[in-house]
Protein backbone atom coordinates (compact mmCIF):
# COMPACT_ATOMS: atom_id res chain seq x y z
CA MET A 1 -7.96 41.20 38.95
CA THR A 2 -5.49 38.98 40.80
CA PRO A 3 -2.65 41.12 42.22
CA LEU A 4 0.80 40.32 40.88
CA THR A 5 3.84 40.58 43.13
CA LEU A 6 7.21 40.48 41.42
CA LEU A 7 10.06 39.05 43.46
CA CYS A 8 13.77 39.12 42.76
CA PRO A 9 14.82 35.58 41.76
CA GLN A 10 18.17 36.09 43.52
CA CYS A 11 17.16 37.42 46.95
CA GLY A 12 13.35 37.19 47.01
CA SER A 13 12.82 40.91 47.65
CA PRO A 14 9.88 42.72 45.99
CA LEU A 15 10.47 44.45 42.66
CA PRO A 16 8.70 47.45 41.12
CA ARG A 17 6.03 46.76 38.47
CA GLN A 18 8.32 48.24 35.82
CA ALA A 19 10.13 44.89 35.85
CA LEU A 20 7.21 43.59 33.75
CA TRP A 21 8.37 45.52 30.69
CA ARG A 22 11.94 46.67 31.32
CA ILE A 23 15.12 45.76 33.17
CA VAL A 24 15.28 47.03 36.78
CA THR A 25 17.95 46.80 39.45
CA CYS A 26 16.96 45.12 42.72
CA THR A 27 17.48 47.67 45.53
CA TYR A 28 18.45 44.90 48.00
CA CYS A 29 20.97 42.71 46.13
CA GLY A 30 21.79 44.82 43.06
CA ALA A 31 20.74 42.15 40.52
CA ASP A 32 19.46 43.30 37.13
CA VAL A 33 16.06 41.67 36.64
CA THR A 34 13.16 41.69 34.18
CA HIS A 35 10.05 39.56 33.80
CA SER A 36 10.31 39.75 29.98
CA GLU A 37 12.28 36.99 28.27
CA GLU A 38 12.91 39.23 25.25
CA LEU A 39 14.98 41.93 26.95
CA VAL A 40 18.76 42.00 27.35
CA HIS A 41 21.24 44.77 28.08
CA ALA A 42 22.43 46.44 24.92
CA ALA A 43 26.04 45.97 26.04
CA ASP A 44 25.49 42.22 26.58
CA PHE A 45 23.85 41.90 23.18
CA HIS A 46 26.70 43.79 21.50
CA ALA A 47 29.30 41.59 23.20
CA ALA A 48 27.48 38.44 22.10
CA TYR A 49 27.25 39.82 18.56
CA LEU A 50 31.00 40.47 18.47
CA ARG A 51 31.67 36.93 19.75
CA SER A 52 29.47 35.50 17.01
CA ARG A 53 31.52 37.31 14.36
CA ALA A 54 34.92 36.70 15.89
CA GLY A 55 35.27 33.32 14.19
CA ASP A 56 38.31 31.12 14.27
CA ALA A 57 41.72 32.69 13.83
CA ALA A 58 42.82 29.48 12.05
CA ALA A 59 39.99 29.65 9.48
CA ASP A 60 40.95 29.25 5.82
CA ILE A 61 38.98 32.19 4.44
CA ALA A 62 37.93 35.59 5.80
CA CYS A 63 35.27 37.48 3.86
CA GLY A 64 32.72 40.13 4.72
CA GLY A 65 33.78 40.22 8.37
CA GLN A 66 33.22 36.47 8.79
CA HIS A 67 35.61 33.50 8.92
CA TYR A 68 35.12 30.22 7.07
CA ASN A 69 36.69 26.78 7.29
CA THR A 70 36.66 24.87 4.00
CA ILE A 71 35.35 21.31 4.18
CA ALA A 72 35.60 19.90 0.67
CA HIS A 73 36.52 20.87 -2.86
CA LEU A 74 33.41 20.85 -5.06
CA GLY A 75 34.84 21.70 -8.45
CA ALA A 76 36.59 24.30 -10.56
CA GLY A 77 35.81 26.39 -13.60
CA GLY A 78 37.84 28.59 -15.84
CA SER A 79 38.05 31.49 -13.41
CA ALA A 80 37.25 30.12 -9.92
CA SER A 81 37.29 27.05 -7.73
CA VAL A 82 34.31 26.08 -5.61
CA ALA A 83 34.43 24.71 -2.06
CA LEU A 84 32.01 23.69 0.66
CA ALA A 85 32.71 25.53 3.92
CA ASN A 86 31.42 26.25 7.42
CA ARG A 87 31.18 29.72 8.90
CA SER A 88 33.13 29.54 12.14
CA GLY A 89 32.15 31.19 15.40
CA ALA A 90 29.19 31.03 17.74
CA VAL A 91 26.62 30.88 14.91
CA PRO A 92 27.90 28.36 12.32
CA GLN A 93 26.45 28.23 8.83
CA ARG A 94 27.14 25.94 5.87
CA VAL A 95 28.10 27.93 2.75
CA VAL A 96 29.62 27.54 -0.70
CA LEU A 97 32.73 29.57 -1.54
CA LYS A 98 33.78 30.62 -5.02
CA ILE A 99 37.47 31.52 -4.92
CA ALA A 100 38.92 33.29 -7.95
CA HIS A 101 41.95 31.78 -9.66
CA ALA A 102 45.14 33.80 -9.92
CA GLY A 103 44.84 36.06 -12.92
CA ALA A 104 41.02 35.85 -13.06
CA PRO A 105 39.28 39.02 -14.29
CA ALA A 106 39.06 41.55 -11.48
CA GLY A 107 35.57 42.17 -10.19
CA GLN A 108 33.98 39.12 -11.81
CA LEU A 109 32.72 37.67 -8.53
CA ALA A 110 31.50 41.09 -7.40
CA ARG A 111 29.54 41.30 -10.65
CA GLU A 112 28.06 37.86 -10.03
CA LYS A 113 26.93 38.90 -6.54
CA ALA A 114 25.35 42.07 -7.95
CA ILE A 115 23.44 39.97 -10.51
CA LEU A 116 22.27 37.48 -7.89
CA ASP A 117 21.17 40.32 -5.61
CA GLN A 118 19.15 41.84 -8.46
CA LEU A 119 17.53 38.49 -9.22
CA GLN A 120 16.55 38.17 -5.57
CA ALA A 121 15.22 41.74 -5.47
CA ASP A 122 12.99 41.39 -8.54
CA ASP A 123 9.30 41.56 -7.62
CA LEU A 124 7.80 39.69 -10.55
CA PRO A 125 4.77 37.41 -10.23
CA GLY A 126 5.96 34.22 -8.55
CA ALA A 127 9.00 35.90 -6.95
CA ALA A 128 8.35 34.32 -3.53
CA TYR A 129 8.62 30.87 -5.15
CA PHE A 130 11.33 31.39 -7.75
CA THR A 131 13.80 33.42 -5.68
CA GLN A 132 14.08 30.34 -3.46
CA ARG A 133 15.13 28.42 -6.58
CA LEU A 134 17.93 30.78 -7.53
CA PRO A 135 21.36 31.08 -5.87
CA GLN A 136 21.53 33.43 -2.89
CA ALA A 137 24.70 35.45 -2.31
CA VAL A 138 25.91 36.22 1.22
CA ALA A 139 29.03 38.34 0.74
CA VAL A 140 31.88 39.15 -1.61
CA GLY A 141 35.38 40.29 -0.78
CA SER A 142 39.01 39.22 -0.89
CA SER A 143 41.05 36.89 1.27
CA ALA A 144 44.67 35.80 1.45
CA SER A 145 45.26 32.40 -0.18
CA ALA A 146 47.83 29.77 0.72
CA ASP A 147 50.39 31.41 -1.58
CA GLY A 148 49.95 34.72 0.22
CA GLN A 149 48.10 36.42 -2.65
CA GLN A 150 44.76 38.13 -2.25
CA ARG A 151 41.97 36.32 -4.09
CA ASP A 152 38.39 37.46 -4.67
CA VAL A 153 35.84 35.33 -2.80
CA LEU A 154 32.09 35.01 -3.24
CA VAL A 155 30.10 33.45 -0.39
CA LEU A 156 26.83 31.72 -1.31
CA ARG A 157 24.19 30.05 0.82
CA HIS A 158 24.56 26.30 0.64
CA PRO A 159 21.57 24.78 -1.19
CA THR A 160 20.82 21.73 0.94
CA GLY A 161 19.95 18.45 -0.75
CA PHE A 162 21.73 19.14 -4.03
CA TRP A 163 24.05 16.30 -5.04
CA GLY A 164 26.18 17.82 -7.78
CA SER A 165 25.94 19.03 -11.36
CA LEU A 166 24.40 17.28 -14.34
CA ALA A 167 27.97 16.97 -15.65
CA ASP A 168 28.76 14.93 -12.51
CA VAL A 169 25.70 12.77 -13.16
CA ARG A 170 26.77 12.24 -16.78
CA LEU A 171 30.26 11.26 -15.64
CA ALA A 172 28.90 8.85 -13.02
CA TYR A 173 26.62 7.10 -15.52
CA GLY A 174 28.96 7.07 -18.50
CA ARG A 175 25.89 6.57 -20.66
CA ALA A 176 22.48 8.09 -21.30
CA ILE A 177 20.21 8.51 -18.30
CA ASP A 178 16.59 7.36 -18.38
CA ALA A 179 14.72 9.77 -20.65
CA ARG A 180 11.98 10.13 -18.03
CA HIS A 181 14.52 11.78 -15.74
CA ALA A 182 15.78 14.04 -18.52
CA VAL A 183 12.20 15.28 -18.94
CA TRP A 184 11.81 16.55 -15.37
CA MET A 185 15.32 18.03 -15.40
CA TRP A 186 14.56 19.90 -18.60
CA ARG A 187 11.17 21.11 -17.41
CA ARG A 188 12.50 22.28 -14.01
CA VAL A 189 15.10 24.48 -15.69
CA LEU A 190 12.56 25.81 -18.20
CA GLU A 191 10.25 26.74 -15.34
CA VAL A 192 12.93 28.94 -13.78
CA LEU A 193 14.01 30.33 -17.15
CA ALA A 194 10.43 31.42 -17.86
CA TYR A 195 10.58 33.49 -14.67
CA VAL A 196 14.01 35.08 -15.24
CA HIS A 197 13.30 35.70 -18.93
CA ALA A 198 10.11 37.54 -17.93
CA GLY A 199 12.37 39.91 -15.99
CA GLY A 200 14.54 40.50 -19.06
CA TRP A 201 17.43 38.29 -17.93
CA SER A 202 19.37 35.75 -19.98
CA HIS A 203 21.91 33.38 -18.42
CA GLY A 204 24.20 32.97 -21.41
CA ARG A 205 26.18 29.91 -20.31
CA LEU A 206 23.75 27.07 -19.67
CA SER A 207 25.59 23.76 -19.62
CA PRO A 208 25.50 20.55 -17.55
CA GLU A 209 28.20 22.08 -15.29
CA HIS A 210 25.87 24.96 -14.37
CA LEU A 211 22.88 22.79 -13.44
CA LEU A 212 22.84 21.29 -9.93
CA VAL A 213 20.49 18.38 -9.31
CA HIS A 214 18.41 17.63 -6.21
CA PRO A 215 17.71 13.88 -6.49
CA ALA A 216 15.08 13.61 -3.73
CA ASP A 217 12.92 16.55 -4.78
CA HIS A 218 13.55 16.37 -8.53
CA GLY A 219 14.92 19.91 -8.45
CA VAL A 220 17.54 21.67 -10.56
CA LEU A 221 19.38 24.83 -9.52
CA ILE A 222 20.93 27.08 -12.17
CA ILE A 223 24.35 28.40 -11.12
CA GLY A 224 27.14 30.35 -12.85
CA TRP A 225 25.37 33.70 -13.31
CA SER A 226 28.45 35.89 -13.75
CA GLY A 227 27.86 36.14 -17.51
CA ALA A 228 24.15 36.93 -17.25
CA SER A 229 22.74 40.08 -18.83
CA ARG A 230 19.49 42.02 -18.55
CA ARG A 231 18.67 43.47 -21.95
CA HIS A 232 15.19 42.04 -22.62
CA ASP A 233 16.89 40.41 -25.62
CA ARG A 234 14.71 37.64 -27.07
CA ALA A 235 17.60 36.35 -29.18
CA ALA A 236 19.76 35.97 -26.06
CA GLN A 237 16.91 34.23 -24.26
CA ALA A 238 16.46 31.90 -27.23
CA ARG A 239 20.17 31.03 -26.95
CA ASP A 240 19.49 29.97 -23.37
CA LEU A 241 16.88 27.53 -24.68
CA VAL A 242 19.22 26.22 -27.38
CA GLN A 243 22.05 25.77 -24.86
CA LEU A 244 19.71 23.95 -22.49
CA ALA A 245 18.61 21.61 -25.29
CA TRP A 246 22.26 20.73 -25.94
CA ALA A 247 22.75 20.07 -22.23
CA MET A 248 19.79 17.67 -22.32
CA ARG A 249 21.22 16.00 -25.43
CA ALA A 250 24.39 15.38 -23.43
CA MET A 251 22.33 13.68 -20.71
CA LEU A 252 20.64 11.47 -23.29
CA SER A 253 23.74 10.43 -25.23
CA ASP A 254 25.62 7.14 -24.93
CA TRP A 255 28.75 8.52 -26.56
CA PHE A 256 30.20 11.58 -28.29
CA ASP A 257 31.29 11.68 -31.92
CA PRO A 258 34.71 13.07 -32.90
CA ALA A 259 33.19 16.52 -33.53
CA GLY A 260 32.14 16.63 -29.90
CA GLU A 261 28.39 16.57 -30.52
CA PRO A 262 26.32 14.31 -28.26
CA VAL A 263 24.57 11.54 -30.18
CA LEU A 264 21.14 10.67 -28.80
CA SER A 265 20.69 7.21 -27.37
CA SER A 266 18.49 4.94 -29.47
CA ALA A 267 16.34 4.51 -26.33
CA THR A 268 15.20 8.15 -26.53
CA PRO A 269 11.50 8.19 -27.53
CA ALA A 270 10.88 9.65 -31.00
CA ALA A 271 8.59 12.43 -29.77
CA LEU A 272 11.16 13.64 -27.26
CA ALA A 273 14.03 13.26 -29.74
CA TRP A 274 12.16 15.46 -32.23
CA VAL A 275 11.78 18.29 -29.70
CA LEU A 276 15.43 17.95 -28.68
CA GLU A 277 16.70 18.03 -32.24
CA ARG A 278 14.67 21.08 -33.20
CA ALA A 279 15.33 22.98 -29.96
CA SER A 280 19.08 22.47 -30.30
CA GLN A 281 19.15 23.60 -33.94
CA ASP A 282 16.38 26.16 -34.43
CA ALA A 283 16.82 29.35 -32.37
CA ALA A 284 13.92 31.04 -34.15
CA TRP A 285 11.60 28.22 -33.08
CA CYS A 286 12.87 28.53 -29.50
CA ALA A 287 12.25 32.28 -29.60
CA SER A 288 8.70 31.78 -30.86
CA LEU A 289 7.89 29.33 -28.05
CA GLY A 290 9.74 30.99 -25.18
CA ALA A 291 10.67 29.04 -22.06
CA GLU A 292 7.07 28.40 -21.02
CA GLY A 293 6.06 27.26 -24.49
CA MET A 294 9.10 24.98 -24.60
CA ARG A 295 8.13 23.54 -21.22
CA ARG A 296 4.69 22.68 -22.61
CA ALA A 297 6.25 21.15 -25.73
CA VAL A 298 8.51 18.94 -23.62
CA GLY A 299 5.55 17.96 -21.43
CA GLY A 300 3.49 17.05 -24.48
CA ALA A 301 6.30 14.92 -25.94
CA ALA A 302 6.75 13.18 -22.58
CA LYS A 303 3.03 12.41 -22.36
CA ASP A 304 3.10 10.92 -25.86
CA ALA A 305 6.12 8.81 -24.93
CA PHE A 306 5.36 7.77 -21.35
CA GLY A 307 1.71 8.54 -20.64
CA PRO A 308 0.55 10.56 -17.61
CA ALA A 309 3.33 12.03 -15.46
CA ARG A 310 4.35 10.10 -12.35
CA PHE A 311 7.17 10.43 -9.84
CA ILE A 312 10.07 8.01 -10.38
CA ASP A 313 12.91 7.86 -7.87
CA PHE A 314 16.19 9.15 -9.24
CA SER A 315 19.71 8.17 -8.23
CA PRO A 316 22.56 10.41 -9.43
CA THR A 317 24.78 7.32 -9.70
CA PRO A 318 23.92 4.13 -11.62
CA SER A 319 22.91 1.07 -9.64
CA ASN A 320 24.88 -1.30 -11.85
């Protein structure tokens, strides 16, 4: 075996063999040295850790021991506004902040984080895949707002590549989208619903505002889980399917009648229109199919209307 001589990089003096696996102090120059690139002094590591969490004193939001600078307003609901933000400090991270409105129900965002944590912790078949397609909570807490009041804040990982909600798409188009795009949107949501329903969950508030679209990957992320429940209630799960059908009707409508119901575009293929009409009106039928059965029904209607599935580029804004 070839002998190995360890030398101090500062003064060139020989070091004991222990420098191969731990930090030693050179007896000639006093330098702390190790051959391993994975070892650091605990005190140095702790100091670096504190620096990484120190953040920026001028940051807009402090939550969970971290500081965040808001970048852009993303939207607002009945109880919270949503903003894109960066975690400040030595280890930046892009996040989404939900900031409760004044007078919002206390503990609502904490409940949402608890639900999201449970969804992530579920160990159902397919969990490794589907938990990546559900929102991931980082922290929840309270922070002083511009008016000096404390507001509840929920920090979520930023889902990269998502453009906005289906409501934003509907607003941008001002008319029905291509039915072929509505098919993949519908089926993507049904795929995730089949997983969460298998765990006994129901979302309860599915609407275009709670469905974020990923144009490049043809993905849809379900958000707004604060009203979700876990009761293994088939009727509640059927309501999810009915609500989703109404959301898809909104995407396939050219206008709304005075009663507020979306009227399907005449360009919607008959086979797909039939599934939409029944799914939005017949909860018992939805319950009998379940999310997976509904996904197959939508796929069958799409095949009848368009032939074999193929990828078609999607733009969330109209080209003309």
